[in-house]
Amino acid sequence: MASLLLAVMPLCFAISGRLKTVPMALLFVFGLLLLVTRAETRAVFRQVWPVLAVCLLRLVYDIGNFLGHRIEGSTLDLPAQTLLFLAIAAVFTLPLRQRVVAIGFSLTTLLLGAASIYQRYGMHVDRPYGLNGGDWASVEFAMYLLVMALLSMLQAMRPDTLRGDRWLHGLAVMVGLYGAVLTQSRGPLLSFAPIYLGLMAWQALRSGRWKRALLPLTATLLGMLAVTATLHREMVDRLADVPAQVSEYGDSAAGSIGAIGERLEMWRTAWQAFTEHPLAGIGLDQFGVYVRAQVAAGTASASIAKYVHPHSEYLESMVAGGVPALLVLLLFLTVPALFFARQLNHPQEPVARAAAAGLMVIGLYSLCAFTDNVFYRAMPQSLYLFLVLGLTVDIGRRLRHATLR
């Protein structure tokens, strides 16, 4: 039952409605019971304490920011999710049915990719946004799909994967990647490329079969390029338009209009807010208030008055909490990444695969964070915390068992 509940978690994060809260609540209660009653669970948590500690550090800092700036209570709703996923991570201390979890993840990738295809061709939506979030969710939906596709690819390349499962994972990769391309989201798609290349290189080095790794690499890249260049020229046009929008920025009021111009104007305004408050910031989720004040004063373009986040997770942290908040964010990303990196060459295949999965997730989020906010909504933050904490605890359990033998 625990394996099945964990298998549907990524789908729960991607949909709206009360139904998704049922499996999350069950896992939360079960995780708490494990922490209270099971010594083995607590021992695994102690073994991976640095990763758990940086997640708690981020929560504690957000609470301090909330109290220091006297912000409204709803601001803490999202940071408080950390406690939920710390408890859910305890379930990963059990010997789970990994095949069930992997199949559930790939079925989610298939469903979300199919939803993107349906929105594009059935609903004639210009940029599909998935099952949760509306028109503004295209970027985070693309990142979500790419993370899930990478996880499916990792399972498809496992040497011990059954043939039928391998076909399922491979189909999930194709549908998921196609759905991501349909979103026309430049940041996630460009961030995906180095992460995917890194996965292929790791697979080739670990297996010693470079030719076998080159086949899916070539097929994926050629397929995405062919789809982008022929069926969906919009993506090519959006990429080609970047230099022109950058050069136009600042020349006139029109230069601050459009995806690139608006981002540049938001980044300039965010940097201004940071330089004015470099140590304490202006408070969580207060960028929109600051922007509207700057627009009213005539020091920022009216084109960004509708935005409440600066479209960069790093700038968001600097604006909200100054240098300390940026350091907390960097720890939140790098401490788990270092933990996973140390296990990439572990002789046990499950440990190495889990480490590769965790490193891919953090890598994609870290790169996307330069041009987008990746933790400002529940869906992407839930996926990050669920996967990073879950994979960390799973590795800790396996390492502990290997030590005790």
Protein backbone atom coordinates (compact mmCIF):
# COMPACT_ATOMS: atom_id res chain seq x y z
CA MET A 1 0.00 0.00 0.00
CA ALA A 2 2.81 2.44 0.88
CA SER A 3 4.48 1.84 -2.51
CA LEU A 4 1.21 2.51 -4.34
CA LEU A 5 0.59 5.74 -2.43
CA LEU A 6 4.11 6.96 -3.17
CA ALA A 7 3.66 6.02 -6.84
CA VAL A 8 0.71 8.40 -7.25
CA MET A 9 2.28 11.34 -5.42
CA PRO A 10 3.64 13.16 -8.52
CA LEU A 11 0.17 12.97 -10.05
CA CYS A 12 -1.39 14.33 -6.86
CA PHE A 13 0.91 17.37 -6.96
CA ALA A 14 -0.05 18.07 -10.58
CA ILE A 15 -3.84 18.08 -10.14
CA SER A 16 -6.22 20.37 -8.30
CA GLY A 17 -9.05 19.48 -5.95
CA ARG A 18 -9.42 17.80 -2.58
CA LEU A 19 -8.94 14.26 -3.91
CA LYS A 20 -5.17 14.72 -4.06
CA THR A 21 -4.97 15.41 -0.33
CA VAL A 22 -6.15 11.91 0.67
CA PRO A 23 -2.96 9.96 -0.23
CA MET A 24 -0.81 12.81 1.05
CA ALA A 25 -2.62 12.80 4.40
CA LEU A 26 -2.34 9.01 4.67
CA LEU A 27 1.40 9.09 3.99
CA PHE A 28 1.88 11.98 6.43
CA VAL A 29 0.18 10.12 9.28
CA PHE A 30 1.96 6.88 8.41
CA GLY A 31 5.32 8.67 8.31
CA LEU A 32 4.74 10.25 11.71
CA LEU A 33 3.87 6.85 13.17
CA LEU A 34 7.07 5.40 11.74
CA LEU A 35 9.14 8.20 13.26
CA VAL A 36 7.56 7.75 16.66
CA THR A 37 7.44 3.96 16.85
CA ARG A 38 10.29 2.66 14.66
CA ALA A 39 13.89 3.01 15.82
CA GLU A 40 15.18 2.04 12.38
CA THR A 41 13.42 5.02 10.80
CA ARG A 42 14.96 7.42 13.30
CA ALA A 43 18.38 5.86 12.75
CA VAL A 44 18.15 6.42 8.99
CA PHE A 45 17.11 10.04 9.57
CA ARG A 46 20.17 10.56 11.78
CA GLN A 47 22.36 9.10 9.06
CA VAL A 48 21.20 11.64 6.45
CA TRP A 49 20.78 14.56 8.88
CA PRO A 50 22.63 17.21 6.79
CA VAL A 51 20.02 17.09 4.01
CA LEU A 52 17.14 17.12 6.48
CA ALA A 53 18.81 19.96 8.40
CA VAL A 54 19.08 22.31 5.41
CA CYS A 55 15.40 21.77 4.64
CA LEU A 56 14.53 22.68 8.22
CA LEU A 57 16.95 25.62 8.08
CA ARG A 58 15.07 27.03 5.11
CA LEU A 59 11.78 26.68 6.98
CA VAL A 60 13.19 28.30 10.13
CA TYR A 61 14.61 31.20 8.12
CA ASP A 62 11.27 31.74 6.38
CA ILE A 63 9.54 31.82 9.76
CA GLY A 64 12.07 34.36 10.98
CA ASN A 65 11.53 36.44 7.86
CA PHE A 66 7.78 36.26 8.41
CA LEU A 67 8.07 37.40 12.02
CA GLY A 68 10.67 40.06 11.29
CA HIS A 69 8.68 41.70 8.52
CA ARG A 70 5.25 41.09 10.11
CA ILE A 71 3.74 39.62 6.97
CA GLU A 72 0.27 38.09 6.71
CA GLY A 73 -0.06 34.49 7.87
CA SER A 74 -0.82 32.88 4.49
CA THR A 75 2.78 33.59 3.46
CA LEU A 76 3.92 30.61 5.53
CA ASP A 77 1.57 28.13 3.84
CA LEU A 78 4.14 27.07 1.26
CA PRO A 79 7.25 26.93 3.52
CA ALA A 80 5.28 24.86 6.03
CA GLN A 81 5.05 22.08 3.44
CA THR A 82 8.57 21.12 4.50
CA LEU A 83 7.17 19.48 7.63
CA LEU A 84 4.70 17.49 5.54
CA PHE A 85 7.39 16.04 3.30
CA LEU A 86 9.83 15.38 6.13
CA ALA A 87 7.18 13.11 7.62
CA ILE A 88 6.37 11.51 4.25
CA ALA A 89 10.08 10.84 3.73
CA ALA A 90 9.94 8.46 6.69
CA VAL A 91 7.94 6.05 4.52
CA PHE A 92 11.04 5.64 2.35
CA THR A 93 12.75 3.89 5.25
CA LEU A 94 10.60 0.85 4.46
CA PRO A 95 11.60 -1.79 1.85
CA LEU A 96 9.34 -0.49 -0.92
CA ARG A 97 8.29 -2.18 -4.15
CA GLN A 98 10.44 -0.06 -6.46
CA ARG A 99 8.83 -1.42 -9.62
CA VAL A 100 5.41 -0.18 -8.48
CA VAL A 101 6.80 3.28 -7.76
CA ALA A 102 8.62 3.44 -11.12
CA ILE A 103 5.55 2.36 -13.09
CA GLY A 104 3.40 4.90 -11.23
CA PHE A 105 5.85 7.68 -12.06
CA SER A 106 5.92 6.77 -15.75
CA LEU A 107 2.12 6.54 -15.94
CA THR A 108 2.01 10.06 -14.48
CA THR A 109 4.48 11.23 -17.13
CA LEU A 110 2.28 9.69 -19.82
CA LEU A 111 -0.87 11.29 -18.46
CA LEU A 112 0.64 14.76 -18.12
CA GLY A 113 2.26 14.55 -21.55
CA ALA A 114 -1.07 13.46 -23.04
CA ALA A 115 -2.79 16.36 -21.25
CA SER A 116 -0.35 18.76 -22.90
CA ILE A 117 -1.03 17.23 -26.32
CA TYR A 118 -4.79 17.42 -25.77
CA GLN A 119 -4.64 21.05 -24.63
CA ARG A 120 -2.65 21.97 -27.72
CA TYR A 121 -4.62 20.07 -30.37
CA GLY A 122 -7.99 19.49 -28.69
CA MET A 123 -8.43 22.78 -26.84
CA HIS A 124 -6.19 24.86 -29.17
CA VAL A 125 -4.24 26.29 -26.25
CA ASP A 126 -1.15 28.10 -27.51
CA ARG A 127 1.01 27.02 -24.55
CA PRO A 128 -0.29 24.00 -22.58
CA TYR A 129 -0.28 24.45 -18.81
CA GLY A 130 -1.25 21.03 -17.45
CA LEU A 131 -3.93 20.06 -14.96
CA ASN A 132 -3.23 22.68 -12.33
CA GLY A 133 -2.34 26.35 -12.51
CA GLY A 134 -3.95 27.99 -15.53
CA ASP A 135 -2.32 30.03 -18.27
CA TRP A 136 0.62 31.21 -16.17
CA ALA A 137 1.75 27.68 -15.33
CA SER A 138 3.34 26.72 -18.68
CA VAL A 139 6.93 27.14 -17.49
CA GLU A 140 6.57 25.16 -14.28
CA PHE A 141 4.53 22.51 -16.12
CA ALA A 142 7.36 22.11 -18.64
CA MET A 143 9.89 21.72 -15.83
CA TYR A 144 7.64 19.20 -14.10
CA LEU A 145 7.28 17.15 -17.29
CA LEU A 146 11.02 17.20 -17.92
CA VAL A 147 11.80 15.98 -14.40
CA MET A 148 9.34 13.12 -14.80
CA ALA A 149 10.69 12.26 -18.26
CA LEU A 150 14.24 12.11 -16.88
CA LEU A 151 13.11 9.73 -14.13
CA SER A 152 11.40 7.53 -16.72
CA MET A 153 14.54 7.56 -18.87
CA LEU A 154 16.61 6.46 -15.89
CA GLN A 155 14.30 3.50 -15.33
CA ALA A 156 14.28 2.59 -19.04
CA MET A 157 18.09 2.32 -19.00
CA ARG A 158 18.30 0.10 -15.91
CA PRO A 159 19.84 -3.24 -16.87
CA ASP A 160 17.35 -5.20 -14.75
CA THR A 161 14.18 -3.52 -16.06
CA LEU A 162 11.66 -5.96 -17.55
CA ARG A 163 11.05 -5.63 -21.29
CA GLY A 164 7.41 -4.59 -20.90
CA ASP A 165 8.33 -2.01 -18.28
CA ARG A 166 11.13 -0.70 -20.49
CA TRP A 167 8.65 -0.03 -23.29
CA LEU A 168 6.35 1.77 -20.85
CA HIS A 169 9.17 3.96 -19.55
CA GLY A 170 10.39 4.67 -23.08
CA LEU A 171 6.90 5.69 -24.21
CA ALA A 172 6.58 7.93 -21.15
CA VAL A 173 9.85 9.66 -22.10
CA MET A 174 8.65 10.36 -25.65
CA VAL A 175 5.20 11.61 -24.67
CA GLY A 176 6.56 13.63 -21.75
CA LEU A 177 9.25 15.33 -23.82
CA TYR A 178 6.80 16.09 -26.62
CA GLY A 179 4.40 17.59 -24.12
CA ALA A 180 7.22 19.74 -22.73
CA VAL A 181 8.14 21.00 -26.20
CA LEU A 182 4.52 22.04 -26.74
CA THR A 183 4.73 24.44 -23.80
CA GLN A 184 7.35 26.49 -25.72
CA SER A 185 9.13 27.18 -22.41
CA ARG A 186 12.68 28.14 -23.27
CA GLY A 187 14.21 28.07 -19.81
CA PRO A 188 13.28 24.49 -18.84
CA LEU A 189 14.05 23.08 -22.30
CA LEU A 190 17.48 24.71 -22.42
CA SER A 191 18.18 23.55 -18.85
CA PHE A 192 17.16 20.02 -19.78
CA ALA A 193 19.92 19.65 -22.38
CA PRO A 194 23.00 19.59 -20.07
CA ILE A 195 21.19 17.45 -17.48
CA TYR A 196 20.23 14.92 -20.12
CA LEU A 197 23.74 14.86 -21.55
CA GLY A 198 25.08 14.33 -18.04
CA LEU A 199 22.72 11.39 -17.53
CA MET A 200 23.86 9.76 -20.78
CA ALA A 201 27.53 10.27 -19.90
CA TRP A 202 27.01 8.77 -16.44
CA GLN A 203 25.18 5.80 -17.91
CA ALA A 204 27.94 5.18 -20.43
CA LEU A 205 30.71 5.47 -17.83
CA ARG A 206 28.93 3.20 -15.38
CA SER A 207 28.02 0.51 -17.92
CA GLY A 208 31.10 0.87 -20.15
CA ARG A 209 28.80 0.67 -23.17
CA TRP A 210 29.15 3.99 -24.95
CA LYS A 211 27.39 2.85 -28.11
CA ARG A 212 24.34 1.74 -26.14
CA ALA A 213 24.13 5.16 -24.47
CA LEU A 214 24.56 7.00 -27.76
CA LEU A 215 21.44 5.44 -29.27
CA PRO A 216 18.83 6.97 -26.90
CA LEU A 217 20.85 10.20 -26.78
CA THR A 218 20.84 10.58 -30.56
CA ALA A 219 17.21 9.53 -30.91
CA THR A 220 16.04 11.96 -28.22
CA LEU A 221 17.98 14.95 -29.47
CA LEU A 222 17.11 14.37 -33.13
CA GLY A 223 13.47 13.81 -32.23
CA MET A 224 13.19 17.00 -30.19
CA LEU A 225 15.04 19.02 -32.83
CA ALA A 226 12.87 17.63 -35.63
CA VAL A 227 9.64 18.35 -33.78
CA THR A 228 10.80 21.82 -32.81
CA ALA A 229 12.10 22.77 -36.26
CA THR A 230 9.25 21.34 -38.35
CA LEU A 231 5.96 20.88 -36.54
CA HIS A 232 6.38 23.66 -33.99
CA ARG A 233 8.27 26.61 -35.38
CA GLU A 234 7.01 28.73 -32.47
CA MET A 235 9.81 27.44 -30.27
CA VAL A 236 12.44 28.30 -32.88
CA ASP A 237 10.91 31.75 -33.29
CA ARG A 238 10.91 32.32 -29.52
CA LEU A 239 14.58 31.38 -29.29
CA ALA A 240 15.53 33.46 -32.32
CA ASP A 241 13.71 36.46 -30.87
CA VAL A 242 15.85 36.55 -27.71
CA PRO A 243 18.78 38.65 -29.06
CA ALA A 244 16.42 41.24 -30.55
CA GLN A 245 14.45 41.62 -27.31
CA VAL A 246 17.64 41.93 -25.29
CA SER A 247 19.02 44.64 -27.59
CA GLU A 248 15.72 46.54 -27.53
CA TYR A 249 15.55 46.61 -23.73
CA GLY A 250 16.14 50.10 -22.39
CA ASP A 251 15.87 51.82 -25.78
CA SER A 252 12.23 52.72 -25.24
CA ALA A 253 9.16 51.81 -23.21
CA ALA A 254 8.43 49.08 -25.75
CA GLY A 255 11.74 47.44 -24.84
CA SER A 256 10.27 46.36 -21.50
CA ILE A 257 7.38 44.51 -23.15
CA GLY A 258 7.52 40.82 -24.00
CA ALA A 259 8.86 37.81 -22.10
CA ILE A 260 12.52 38.86 -22.29
CA GLY A 261 12.01 42.59 -21.83
CA GLU A 262 9.74 42.05 -18.84
CA ARG A 263 12.21 39.65 -17.28
CA LEU A 264 15.06 42.10 -17.68
CA GLU A 265 12.96 44.86 -16.14
CA MET A 266 11.95 42.60 -13.25
CA TRP A 267 15.56 41.58 -12.66
CA ARG A 268 16.67 45.22 -12.66
CA THR A 269 13.94 46.11 -10.18
CA ALA A 270 14.73 43.07 -8.02
CA TRP A 271 18.42 44.02 -7.92
CA GLN A 272 17.41 47.53 -6.89
CA ALA A 273 15.31 46.13 -4.05
CA PHE A 274 18.23 43.96 -2.94
CA THR A 275 20.74 46.83 -2.95
CA GLU A 276 18.33 48.86 -0.82
CA HIS A 277 17.86 46.02 1.69
CA PRO A 278 20.91 43.71 1.34
CA LEU A 279 20.75 42.08 4.79
CA ALA A 280 17.08 41.72 5.73
CA GLY A 281 15.35 41.99 2.36
CA ILE A 282 11.80 43.28 2.02
CA GLY A 283 9.98 40.13 3.17
CA LEU A 284 8.54 36.94 1.72
CA ASP A 285 6.23 37.46 -1.27
CA GLN A 286 6.61 41.25 -1.13
CA PHE A 287 8.17 41.73 -4.55
CA GLY A 288 4.80 42.54 -6.15
CA VAL A 289 4.14 45.24 -3.57
CA TYR A 290 7.58 46.73 -4.21
CA VAL A 291 7.11 46.62 -8.00
CA ARG A 292 3.76 48.41 -7.89
CA ALA A 293 5.28 51.13 -5.72
CA GLN A 294 8.12 51.56 -8.23
CA VAL A 295 5.70 51.69 -11.14
CA ALA A 296 3.63 54.33 -9.34
CA ALA A 297 6.81 56.33 -8.73
CA GLY A 298 7.75 56.09 -12.40
CA THR A 299 10.99 54.18 -11.78
CA ALA A 300 9.80 50.87 -13.26
CA SER A 301 7.92 49.96 -16.40
CA ALA A 302 4.17 49.47 -16.09
CA SER A 303 4.58 46.23 -18.05
CA ILE A 304 5.74 44.43 -14.89
CA ALA A 305 3.08 45.74 -12.52
CA LYS A 306 1.15 42.46 -12.82
CA TYR A 307 4.02 40.29 -11.55
CA VAL A 308 4.51 39.24 -7.93
CA HIS A 309 7.79 37.33 -8.38
CA PRO A 310 10.93 38.35 -10.31
CA HIS A 311 11.20 35.18 -12.45
CA SER A 312 14.46 34.11 -10.84
CA GLU A 313 14.58 32.04 -7.68
CA TYR A 314 17.98 33.45 -6.76
CA LEU A 315 16.81 37.05 -7.09
CA GLU A 316 13.61 36.14 -5.26
CA SER A 317 15.61 35.01 -2.24
CA MET A 318 17.80 38.11 -2.36
CA VAL A 319 14.77 40.39 -2.49
CA ALA A 320 12.88 38.54 0.23
CA GLY A 321 15.71 38.04 2.73
CA GLY A 322 18.92 39.59 1.44
CA VAL A 323 22.28 37.79 1.45
CA PRO A 324 21.34 35.38 4.29
CA ALA A 325 18.32 34.12 2.34
CA LEU A 326 20.45 33.56 -0.76
CA LEU A 327 22.93 31.53 1.30
CA VAL A 328 20.07 29.45 2.72
CA LEU A 329 18.78 28.77 -0.80
CA LEU A 330 22.25 27.76 -2.00
CA LEU A 331 22.58 25.37 0.94
CA PHE A 332 19.11 24.01 0.17
CA LEU A 333 20.33 23.10 -3.33
CA THR A 334 23.99 22.20 -2.81
CA VAL A 335 23.92 20.07 0.35
CA PRO A 336 21.58 17.44 -1.16
CA ALA A 337 23.47 17.67 -4.48
CA LEU A 338 26.76 16.86 -2.74
CA PHE A 339 25.12 13.99 -0.87
CA PHE A 340 23.90 12.48 -4.15
CA ALA A 341 27.18 13.16 -5.97
CA ARG A 342 29.10 11.13 -3.39
CA GLN A 343 26.95 8.07 -4.16
CA LEU A 344 26.98 8.25 -7.98
CA ASN A 345 29.63 5.54 -8.27
CA HIS A 346 28.34 3.32 -5.47
CA PRO A 347 28.70 -0.39 -6.31
CA GLN A 348 25.06 -1.06 -5.45
CA GLU A 349 22.96 -0.27 -8.52
CA PRO A 350 19.87 0.94 -6.59
CA VAL A 351 21.99 3.40 -4.58
CA ALA A 352 23.72 4.78 -7.67
CA ARG A 353 20.42 5.09 -9.58
CA ALA A 354 18.75 6.91 -6.71
CA ALA A 355 21.74 9.27 -6.49
CA ALA A 356 21.59 9.96 -10.23
CA ALA A 357 17.86 10.68 -9.98
CA GLY A 358 18.36 13.10 -7.10
CA LEU A 359 21.20 14.90 -8.84
CA MET A 360 19.13 15.28 -12.01
CA VAL A 361 16.22 16.79 -10.10
CA ILE A 362 18.44 19.29 -8.28
CA GLY A 363 20.37 20.09 -11.45
CA LEU A 364 17.26 20.89 -13.48
CA TYR A 365 15.72 22.99 -10.70
CA SER A 366 19.00 24.86 -10.12
CA LEU A 367 19.36 25.78 -13.80
CA CYS A 368 15.71 26.72 -14.23
CA ALA A 369 16.00 28.88 -11.11
CA PHE A 370 18.14 31.40 -13.03
CA THR A 371 15.22 32.47 -15.24
CA ASP A 372 12.14 31.37 -13.29
CA ASN A 373 10.79 30.96 -9.80
CA VAL A 374 10.83 27.22 -9.13
CA PHE A 375 9.57 27.19 -5.52
CA TYR A 376 6.86 29.82 -5.52
CA ARG A 377 3.96 27.43 -6.12
CA ALA A 378 2.93 24.21 -4.45
CA MET A 379 3.26 21.91 -7.48
CA PRO A 380 7.00 22.30 -8.29
CA GLN A 381 8.04 22.71 -4.66
CA SER A 382 6.12 19.58 -3.65
CA LEU A 383 7.81 17.53 -6.35
CA TYR A 384 11.26 18.79 -5.30
CA LEU A 385 10.81 18.09 -1.59
CA PHE A 386 9.15 14.74 -2.20
CA LEU A 387 11.86 13.47 -4.53
CA VAL A 388 14.92 14.94 -2.85
CA LEU A 389 13.92 13.93 0.68
CA GLY A 390 12.56 10.57 -0.43
CA LEU A 391 15.63 9.63 -2.45
CA THR A 392 17.93 10.82 0.33
CA VAL A 393 16.19 8.64 2.92
CA ASP A 394 16.04 5.68 0.52
CA ILE A 395 19.80 5.91 -0.01
CA GLY A 396 20.36 6.28 3.73
CA ARG A 397 18.35 3.11 4.37
CA ARG A 398 20.35 1.12 1.83
CA LEU A 399 23.69 2.42 3.12
CA ARG A 400 22.72 1.58 6.69
CA HIS A 401 21.74 -1.97 5.77
CA ALA A 402 25.01 -2.43 3.87
CA THR A 403 26.96 -1.24 6.94
CA LEU A 404 25.11 -3.56 9.31
CA ARG A 405 25.78 -6.64 7.23
